[in-house]
PDB file of N, CA and C in Angstrom:
ATOM      1  N   MET A   1       0.819  -1.193   0.000  1.00  0.00           N
ATOM      2  CA  MET A   1       0.000   0.000   0.000  1.00  0.00           C
ATOM      3  C   MET A   1       0.861   1.255   0.000  1.00  0.00           C
ATOM      4  N   PHE A   2       1.942   1.203   0.743  1.00  0.00           N
ATOM      5  CA  PHE A   2       2.833   2.361   0.824  1.00  0.00           C
ATOM      6  C   PHE A   2       3.480   2.662  -0.526  1.00  0.00           C
ATOM      7  N   THR A   3       3.855   1.634  -1.258  1.00  0.00           N
ATOM      8  CA  THR A   3       4.491   1.868  -2.553  1.00  0.00           C
ATOM      9  C   THR A   3       3.510   2.450  -3.566  1.00  0.00           C
ATOM     10  N   ILE A   4       2.242   2.087  -3.477  1.00  0.00           N
ATOM     11  CA  ILE A   4       1.248   2.646  -4.390  1.00  0.00           C
ATOM     12  C   ILE A   4       1.090   4.139  -4.127  1.00  0.00           C
ATOM     13  N   LYS A   5       1.014   4.523  -2.860  1.00  0.00           N
ATOM     14  CA  LYS A   5       0.917   5.944  -2.506  1.00  0.00           C
ATOM     15  C   LYS A   5       2.170   6.694  -2.952  1.00  0.00           C
ATOM     16  N   LYS A   6       3.294   6.039  -2.766  1.00  0.00           N
ATOM     17  CA  LYS A   6       4.560   6.658  -3.165  1.00  0.00           C
ATOM     18  C   LYS A   6       4.596   6.885  -4.674  1.00  0.00           C
ATOM     19  N   HIS A   7       4.158   5.905  -5.436  1.00  0.00           N
ATOM     20  CA  HIS A   7       4.144   6.027  -6.893  1.00  0.00           C
ATOM     21  C   HIS A   7       3.137   7.081  -7.347  1.00  0.00           C
ATOM     22  N   LEU A   8       1.966   7.109  -6.725  1.00  0.00           N
ATOM     23  CA  LEU A   8       0.975   8.122  -7.080  1.00  0.00           C
ATOM     24  C   LEU A   8       1.490   9.523  -6.774  1.00  0.00           C
ATOM     25  N   PHE A   9       2.130   9.676  -5.634  1.00  0.00           N
ATOM     26  CA  PHE A   9       2.701  10.972  -5.274  1.00  0.00           C
ATOM     27  C   PHE A   9       3.767  11.385  -6.288  1.00  0.00           C
ATOM     28  N   LEU A  10       4.608  10.450  -6.673  1.00  0.00           N
ATOM     29  CA  LEU A  10       5.653  10.726  -7.654  1.00  0.00           C
ATOM     30  C   LEU A  10       5.046  11.117  -9.005  1.00  0.00           C
ATOM     31  N   ILE A  11       3.997  10.441  -9.410  1.00  0.00           N
ATOM     32  CA  ILE A  11       3.328  10.761 -10.670  1.00  0.00           C
ATOM     33  C   ILE A  11       2.715  12.156 -10.610  1.00  0.00           C
ATOM     34  N   VAL A  12       2.100  12.495  -9.493  1.00  0.00           N
ATOM     35  CA  VAL A  12       1.502  13.826  -9.341  1.00  0.00           C
ATOM     36  C   VAL A  12       2.576  14.902  -9.382  1.00  0.00           C
ATOM     37  N   VAL A  13       3.696  14.678  -8.726  1.00  0.00           N
ATOM     38  CA  VAL A  13       4.791  15.652  -8.723  1.00  0.00           C
ATOM     39  C   VAL A  13       5.346  15.832 -10.130  1.00  0.00           C
ATOM     40  N   ILE A  14       5.564  14.740 -10.829  1.00  0.00           N
ATOM     41  CA  ILE A  14       6.089  14.821 -12.196  1.00  0.00           C
ATOM     42  C   ILE A  14       5.092  15.539 -13.105  1.00  0.00           C
ATOM     43  N   TYR A  15       3.822  15.246 -12.949  1.00  0.00           N
ATOM     44  CA  TYR A  15       2.801  15.929 -13.749  1.00  0.00           C
ATOM     45  C   TYR A  15       2.802  17.431 -13.472  1.00  0.00           C
ATOM     46  N   CYS A  16       2.917  17.805 -12.212  1.00  0.00           N
ATOM     47  CA  CYS A  16       2.948  19.233 -11.864  1.00  0.00           C
ATOM     48  C   CYS A  16       4.166  19.921 -12.475  1.00  0.00           C
ATOM     49  N   ILE A  17       5.291  19.265 -12.437  1.00  0.00           N
ATOM     50  CA  ILE A  17       6.506  19.845 -13.019  1.00  0.00           C
ATOM     51  C   ILE A  17       6.336  20.029 -14.521  1.00  0.00           C
ATOM     52  N   PHE A  18       5.836  19.006 -15.195  1.00  0.00           N
ATOM     53  CA  PHE A  18       5.683  19.105 -16.648  1.00  0.00           C
ATOM     54  C   PHE A  18       4.590  20.082 -17.055  1.00  0.00           C
ATOM     55  N   SER A  19       3.569  20.214 -16.243  1.00  0.00           N
ATOM     56  CA  SER A  19       2.516  21.166 -16.608  1.00  0.00           C
ATOM     57  C   SER A  19       2.983  22.600 -16.429  1.00  0.00           C
ATOM     58  N   LYS A  20       3.919  22.848 -15.533  1.00  0.00           N
ATOM     59  CA  LYS A  20       4.458  24.196 -15.336  1.00  0.00           C
ATOM     60  C   LYS A  20       5.554  24.522 -16.348  1.00  0.00           C
ATOM     61  N   CYS A  21       6.194  23.530 -16.903  1.00  0.00           N
ATOM     62  CA  CYS A  21       7.289  23.742 -17.858  1.00  0.00           C
ATOM     63  C   CYS A  21       6.736  23.800 -19.278  1.00  0.00           C
ATOM     64  N   GLN A  22       5.957  24.790 -19.551  1.00  0.00           N
ATOM     65  CA  GLN A  22       5.391  24.972 -20.880  1.00  0.00           C
ATOM     66  C   GLN A  22       6.343  25.821 -21.713  1.00  0.00           C
ATOM     67  N   PRO A  23       6.461  25.533 -22.983  1.00  0.00           N
ATOM     68  CA  PRO A  23       7.325  26.375 -23.825  1.00  0.00           C
ATOM     69  C   PRO A  23       6.716  27.763 -23.995  1.00  0.00           C
ATOM     70  N   GLU A  24       7.571  28.741 -24.034  1.00  0.00           N
ATOM     71  CA  GLU A  24       7.136  30.111 -24.256  1.00  0.00           C
ATOM     72  C   GLU A  24       7.541  30.520 -25.667  1.00  0.00           C
ATOM     73  N   TYR A  25       6.743  31.373 -26.254  1.00  0.00           N
ATOM     74  CA  TYR A  25       7.014  31.849 -27.599  1.00  0.00           C
ATOM     75  C   TYR A  25       7.238  33.355 -27.547  1.00  0.00           C
ATOM     76  N   ALA A  26       8.287  33.800 -28.210  1.00  0.00           N
ATOM     77  CA  ALA A  26       8.613  35.227 -28.186  1.00  0.00           C
ATOM     78  C   ALA A  26       9.153  35.644 -29.549  1.00  0.00           C
ATOM     79  N   ASN A  27       9.011  36.918 -29.831  1.00  0.00           N
ATOM     80  CA  ASN A  27       9.604  37.479 -31.042  1.00  0.00           C
ATOM     81  C   ASN A  27      10.634  38.517 -30.619  1.00  0.00           C
ATOM     82  N   SER A  28      11.333  39.069 -31.573  1.00  0.00           N
ATOM     83  CA  SER A  28      12.382  40.039 -31.223  1.00  0.00           C
ATOM     84  C   SER A  28      12.271  41.273 -32.113  1.00  0.00           C
ATOM     85  N   PRO A  29      11.381  42.190 -31.750  1.00  0.00           N
ATOM     86  CA  PRO A  29      11.230  43.401 -32.565  1.00  0.00           C
ATOM     87  C   PRO A  29      12.450  44.307 -32.501  1.00  0.00           C
ATOM     88  N   GLU A  30      13.346  44.079 -31.537  1.00  0.00           N
ATOM     89  CA  GLU A  30      14.570  44.884 -31.462  1.00  0.00           C
ATOM     90  C   GLU A  30      15.404  44.709 -32.726  1.00  0.00           C
ATOM     91  N   LEU A  31      15.354  43.507 -33.296  1.00  0.00           N
ATOM     92  CA  LEU A  31      16.109  43.245 -34.520  1.00  0.00           C
ATOM     93  C   LEU A  31      15.634  44.152 -35.650  1.00  0.00           C
ATOM     94  N   CYS A  32      14.346  44.430 -35.693  1.00  0.00           N
ATOM     95  CA  CYS A  32      13.807  45.327 -36.719  1.00  0.00           C
ATOM     96  C   CYS A  32      14.346  46.740 -36.522  1.00  0.00           C
ATOM     97  N   LEU A  33      14.430  47.184 -35.284  1.00  0.00           N
ATOM     98  CA  LEU A  33      14.975  48.517 -35.009  1.00  0.00           C
ATOM     99  C   LEU A  33      16.441  48.609 -35.424  1.00  0.00           C
ATOM    100  N   VAL A  34      17.199  47.576 -35.103  1.00  0.00           N
ATOM    101  CA  VAL A  34      18.618  47.559 -35.469  1.00  0.00           C
ATOM    102  C   VAL A  34      18.770  47.536 -36.987  1.00  0.00           C
ATOM    103  N   ALA A  35      17.946  46.739 -37.660  1.00  0.00           N
ATOM    104  CA  ALA A  35      18.017  46.659 -39.126  1.00  0.00           C
ATOM    105  C   ALA A  35      17.686  48.005 -39.760  1.00  0.00           C
ATOM    106  N   ASN A  36      16.695  48.699 -39.224  1.00  0.00           N
ATOM    107  CA  ASN A  36      16.342  50.008 -39.785  1.00  0.00           C
ATOM    108  C   ASN A  36      17.416  51.049 -39.513  1.00  0.00           C
ATOM    109  N   ALA A  37      18.034  50.994 -38.347  1.00  0.00           N
ATOM    110  CA  ALA A  37      19.129  51.925 -38.056  1.00  0.00           C
ATOM    111  C   ALA A  37      20.305  51.665 -38.995  1.00  0.00           C
ATOM    112  N   GLN A  38      20.619  50.387 -39.198  1.00  0.00           N
ATOM    113  CA  GLN A  38      21.699  50.022 -40.113  1.00  0.00           C
ATOM    114  C   GLN A  38      21.353  50.442 -41.539  1.00  0.00           C
ATOM    115  N   LEU A  39      20.082  50.294 -41.913  1.00  0.00           N
ATOM    116  CA  LEU A  39      19.635  50.694 -43.249  1.00  0.00           C
ATOM    117  C   LEU A  39      19.845  52.186 -43.465  1.00  0.00           C
ATOM    118  N   GLU A  40      19.448  52.992 -42.506  1.00  0.00           N
ATOM    119  CA  GLU A  40      19.611  54.445 -42.642  1.00  0.00           C
ATOM    120  C   GLU A  40      21.082  54.823 -42.765  1.00  0.00           C
ATOM    121  N   SER A  41      21.919  54.174 -41.976  1.00  0.00           N
ATOM    122  CA  SER A  41      23.357  54.443 -42.030  1.00  0.00           C
ATOM    123  C   SER A  41      23.938  54.062 -43.395  1.00  0.00           C
ATOM    124  N   ALA A  42      23.564  52.884 -43.883  1.00  0.00           N
ATOM    125  CA  ALA A  42      24.084  52.418 -45.169  1.00  0.00           C
ATOM    126  C   ALA A  42      23.561  53.271 -46.324  1.00  0.00           C
ATOM    127  N   LEU A  43      22.298  53.678 -46.251  1.00  0.00           N
ATOM    128  CA  LEU A  43      21.748  54.524 -47.312  1.00  0.00           C
ATOM    129  C   LEU A  43      22.423  55.892 -47.337  1.00  0.00           C
ATOM    130  N   ALA A  44      22.746  56.422 -46.171  1.00  0.00           N
ATOM    131  CA  ALA A  44      23.453  57.709 -46.120  1.00  0.00           C
ATOM    132  C   ALA A  44      24.840  57.574 -46.743  1.00  0.00           C
ATOM    133  N   LYS A  45      25.516  56.445 -46.460  1.00  0.00           N
ATOM    134  CA  LYS A  45      26.840  56.209 -47.048  1.00  0.00           C
ATOM    135  C   LYS A  45      26.729  56.059 -48.569  1.00  0.00           C
ATOM    136  N   ASP A  46      25.729  55.315 -49.021  1.00  0.00           N
ATOM    137  CA  ASP A  46      25.532  55.140 -50.466  1.00  0.00           C
ATOM    138  C   ASP A  46      25.212  56.465 -51.151  1.00  0.00           C
ATOM    139  N   LEU A  47      24.398  57.293 -50.521  1.00  0.00           N
ATOM    140  CA  LEU A  47      24.069  58.598 -51.093  1.00  0.00           C
ATOM    141  C   LEU A  47      25.312  59.478 -51.171  1.00  0.00           C
ATOM    142  N   ASP A  48      26.144  59.398 -50.152  1.00  0.00           N
ATOM    143  CA  ASP A  48      27.399  60.147 -50.166  1.00  0.00           C
ATOM    144  C   ASP A  48      28.302  59.661 -51.300  1.00  0.00           C
ATOM    145  N   ASP A  49      28.391  58.337 -51.466  1.00  0.00           N
ATOM    146  CA  ASP A  49      29.186  57.781 -52.572  1.00  0.00           C
ATOM    147  C   ASP A  49      28.626  58.218 -53.926  1.00  0.00           C
ATOM    148  N   PHE A  50      27.304  58.238 -54.045  1.00  0.00           N
ATOM    149  CA  PHE A  50      26.671  58.662 -55.298  1.00  0.00           C
ATOM    150  C   PHE A  50      26.959  60.138 -55.575  1.00  0.00           C
ATOM    151  N   ASN A  51      26.847  60.962 -54.550  1.00  0.00           N
ATOM    152  CA  ASN A  51      27.089  62.400 -54.729  1.00  0.00           C
ATOM    153  C   ASN A  51      28.551  62.711 -55.040  1.00  0.00           C
ATOM    154  N   ASN A  52      29.471  61.876 -54.546  1.00  0.00           N
ATOM    155  CA  ASN A  52      30.897  62.088 -54.798  1.00  0.00           C
ATOM    156  C   ASN A  52      31.382  61.394 -56.066  1.00  0.00           C
ATOM    157  N   GLY A  53      30.492  60.720 -56.785  1.00  0.00           N
ATOM    158  CA  GLY A  53      30.857  60.111 -58.054  1.00  0.00           C
ATOM    159  C   GLY A  53      31.494  58.742 -57.942  1.00  0.00           C
ATOM    160  N   ARG A  54      31.483  58.136 -56.766  1.00  0.00           N
ATOM    161  CA  ARG A  54      32.070  56.801 -56.614  1.00  0.00           C
ATOM    162  C   ARG A  54      31.128  55.697 -57.078  1.00  0.00           C
ATOM    163  N   MET A  55      29.863  56.036 -57.312  1.00  0.00           N
ATOM    164  CA  MET A  55      28.916  55.059 -57.858  1.00  0.00           C
ATOM    165  C   MET A  55      27.936  55.806 -58.759  1.00  0.00           C
ATOM    166  N   ASN A  56      27.494  55.105 -59.804  1.00  0.00           N
ATOM    167  CA  ASN A  56      26.553  55.758 -60.723  1.00  0.00           C
ATOM    168  C   ASN A  56      25.112  55.548 -60.245  1.00  0.00           C
ATOM    169  N   GLN A  57      24.169  56.133 -60.967  1.00  0.00           N
ATOM    170  CA  GLN A  57      22.770  56.096 -60.529  1.00  0.00           C
ATOM    171  C   GLN A  57      22.226  54.674 -60.491  1.00  0.00           C
ATOM    172  N   GLU A  58      22.588  53.859 -61.468  1.00  0.00           N
ATOM    173  CA  GLU A  58      22.101  52.476 -61.498  1.00  0.00           C
ATOM    174  C   GLU A  58      22.601  51.693 -60.287  1.00  0.00           C
ATOM    175  N   GLN A  59      23.882  51.838 -59.973  1.00  0.00           N
ATOM    176  CA  GLN A  59      24.438  51.156 -58.804  1.00  0.00           C
ATOM    177  C   GLN A  59      23.775  51.643 -57.518  1.00  0.00           C
ATOM    178  N   TYR A  60      23.547  52.956 -57.449  1.00  0.00           N
ATOM    179  CA  TYR A  60      22.913  53.522 -56.256  1.00  0.00           C
ATOM    180  C   TYR A  60      21.496  52.976 -56.077  1.00  0.00           C
ATOM    181  N   GLU A  61      20.718  52.948 -57.152  1.00  0.00           N
ATOM    182  CA  GLU A  61      19.340  52.454 -57.076  1.00  0.00           C
ATOM    183  C   GLU A  61      19.310  50.973 -56.703  1.00  0.00           C
ATOM    184  N   ARG A  62      20.223  50.187 -57.289  1.00  0.00           N
ATOM    185  CA  ARG A  62      20.281  48.759 -56.981  1.00  0.00           C
ATOM    186  C   ARG A  62      20.665  48.531 -55.524  1.00  0.00           C
ATOM    187  N   ALA A  63      21.672  49.271 -55.047  1.00  0.00           N
ATOM    188  CA  ALA A  63      22.096  49.133 -53.650  1.00  0.00           C
ATOM    189  C   ALA A  63      20.973  49.541 -52.702  1.00  0.00           C
ATOM    190  N   LYS A  64      20.285  50.619 -53.038  1.00  0.00           N
ATOM    191  CA  LYS A  64      19.180  51.087 -52.196  1.00  0.00           C
ATOM    192  C   LYS A  64      18.070  50.047 -52.139  1.00  0.00           C
ATOM    193  N   ARG A  65      17.700  49.493 -53.296  1.00  0.00           N
ATOM    194  CA  ARG A  65      16.638  48.490 -53.354  1.00  0.00           C
ATOM    195  C   ARG A  65      17.031  47.231 -52.575  1.00  0.00           C
ATOM    196  N   ASN A  66      18.277  46.781 -52.754  1.00  0.00           N
ATOM    197  CA  ASN A  66      18.730  45.583 -52.044  1.00  0.00           C
ATOM    198  C   ASN A  66      18.752  45.796 -50.536  1.00  0.00           C
ATOM    199  N   ARG A  67      19.217  46.950 -50.103  1.00  0.00           N
ATOM    200  CA  ARG A  67      19.273  47.227 -48.663  1.00  0.00           C
ATOM    201  C   ARG A  67      17.872  47.316 -48.062  1.00  0.00           C
ATOM    202  N   GLU A  68      16.951  47.978 -48.766  1.00  0.00           N
ATOM    203  CA  GLU A  68      15.582  48.094 -48.256  1.00  0.00           C
ATOM    204  C   GLU A  68      14.898  46.735 -48.200  1.00  0.00           C
ATOM    205  N   THR A  69      15.126  45.908 -49.210  1.00  0.00           N
ATOM    206  CA  THR A  69      14.546  44.569 -49.215  1.00  0.00           C
ATOM    207  C   THR A  69      15.102  43.733 -48.070  1.00  0.00           C
ATOM    208  N   GLY A  70      16.404  43.824 -47.841  1.00  0.00           N
ATOM    209  CA  GLY A  70      17.017  43.083 -46.742  1.00  0.00           C
ATOM    210  C   GLY A  70      16.497  43.523 -45.386  1.00  0.00           C
ATOM    211  N   ALA A  71      16.352  44.824 -45.193  1.00  0.00           N
ATOM    212  CA  ALA A  71      15.841  45.337 -43.915  1.00  0.00           C
ATOM    213  C   ALA A  71      14.393  44.910 -43.702  1.00  0.00           C
ATOM    214  N   LEU A  72      13.598  44.936 -44.766  1.00  0.00           N
ATOM    215  CA  LEU A  72      12.209  44.501 -44.654  1.00  0.00           C
ATOM    216  C   LEU A  72      12.142  43.014 -44.313  1.00  0.00           C
ATOM    217  N   GLY A  73      12.994  42.219 -44.940  1.00  0.00           N
ATOM    218  CA  GLY A  73      13.038  40.787 -44.636  1.00  0.00           C
ATOM    219  C   GLY A  73      13.409  40.524 -43.192  1.00  0.00           C
ATOM    220  N   LEU A  74      14.403  41.248 -42.682  1.00  0.00           N
ATOM    221  CA  LEU A  74      14.779  41.082 -41.275  1.00  0.00           C
ATOM    222  C   LEU A  74      13.648  41.489 -40.343  1.00  0.00           C
ATOM    223  N   CYS A  75      12.939  42.550 -40.687  1.00  0.00           N
ATOM    224  CA  CYS A  75      11.804  42.974 -39.855  1.00  0.00           C
ATOM    225  C   CYS A  75      10.718  41.905 -39.831  1.00  0.00           C
ATOM    226  N   LEU A  76      10.426  41.332 -40.978  1.00  0.00           N
ATOM    227  CA  LEU A  76       9.399  40.292 -41.025  1.00  0.00           C
ATOM    228  C   LEU A  76       9.826  39.060 -40.238  1.00  0.00           C
ATOM    229  N   ILE A  77      11.084  38.676 -40.373  1.00  0.00           N
ATOM    230  CA  ILE A  77      11.582  37.516 -39.639  1.00  0.00           C
ATOM    231  C   ILE A  77      11.585  37.782 -38.138  1.00  0.00           C
ATOM    232  N   SER A  78      11.895  39.009 -37.744  1.00  0.00           N
ATOM    233  CA  SER A  78      11.967  39.311 -36.313  1.00  0.00           C
ATOM    234  C   SER A  78      10.600  39.268 -35.645  1.00  0.00           C
ATOM    235  N   LEU A  79       9.527  39.365 -36.403  1.00  0.00           N
ATOM    236  CA  LEU A  79       8.193  39.334 -35.817  1.00  0.00           C
ATOM    237  C   LEU A  79       7.621  37.928 -35.690  1.00  0.00           C
ATOM    238  N   ILE A  80       8.304  36.937 -36.241  1.00  0.00           N
ATOM    239  CA  ILE A  80       7.855  35.551 -36.114  1.00  0.00           C
ATOM    240  C   ILE A  80       8.133  35.086 -34.689  1.00  0.00           C
ATOM    241  N   LYS A  81       7.132  34.491 -34.067  1.00  0.00           N
ATOM    242  CA  LYS A  81       7.323  33.996 -32.699  1.00  0.00           C
ATOM    243  C   LYS A  81       8.076  32.672 -32.750  1.00  0.00           C
ATOM    244  N   ARG A  82       9.128  32.600 -31.928  1.00  0.00           N
ATOM    245  CA  ARG A  82       9.948  31.401 -31.850  1.00  0.00           C
ATOM    246  C   ARG A  82       9.851  30.807 -30.460  1.00  0.00           C
ATOM    247  N   LYS A  83      10.075  29.519 -30.384  1.00  0.00           N
ATOM    248  CA  LYS A  83       9.999  28.812 -29.114  1.00  0.00           C
ATOM    249  C   LYS A  83      11.188  29.197 -28.242  1.00  0.00           C
ATOM    250  N   GLN A  84      10.901  29.587 -27.020  1.00  0.00           N
ATOM    251  CA  GLN A  84      11.939  29.965 -26.061  1.00  0.00           C
ATOM    252  C   GLN A  84      11.916  28.962 -24.917  1.00  0.00           C
ATOM    253  N   ASN A  85      13.059  28.586 -24.407  1.00  0.00           N
ATOM    254  CA  ASN A  85      13.124  27.703 -23.252  1.00  0.00           C
ATOM    255  C   ASN A  85      13.600  28.525 -22.066  1.00  0.00           C
ATOM    256  N   SER A  86      12.665  28.985 -21.259  1.00  0.00           N
ATOM    257  CA  SER A  86      13.028  29.803 -20.101  1.00  0.00           C
ATOM    258  C   SER A  86      12.657  29.110 -18.802  1.00  0.00           C
ATOM    259  N   ASN A  87      12.615  27.791 -18.822  1.00  0.00           N
ATOM    260  CA  ASN A  87      12.211  27.053 -17.630  1.00  0.00           C
ATOM    261  C   ASN A  87      13.334  26.921 -16.613  1.00  0.00           C
ATOM    262  N   PHE A  88      14.552  27.082 -17.055  1.00  0.00           N
ATOM    263  CA  PHE A  88      15.662  26.837 -16.129  1.00  0.00           C
ATOM    264  C   PHE A  88      16.465  28.079 -15.916  1.00  0.00           C
TER     265      PHE A  88
END
C-alpha cells in the first residue's frame, strides 16, 4: 500500500513539473529597429558615394533596393514567434 501511494505521489509531482514547464514563444522586434538603423546608415553612405561620383545612378538604385529589401526581410523575420526555453 505504501508503494502505491509513493508512486501516485511521484506521478503527481512529475505531472505538476511538466505542466508548469510549458514552452514560451517570443519574437524580437529589437532586430527590426537595429536593421532600420543600419539601413539608414548604409543609405546615407551610399548617397554620399553617389554624390561624390564613386557610384553611378544604377548602382545607387540597386544598392538602395537591395538594402531596403534586406531590412524589410529582417523585420518580417523578427516578428515571427519562436519557441523559447526559459524554464531553467
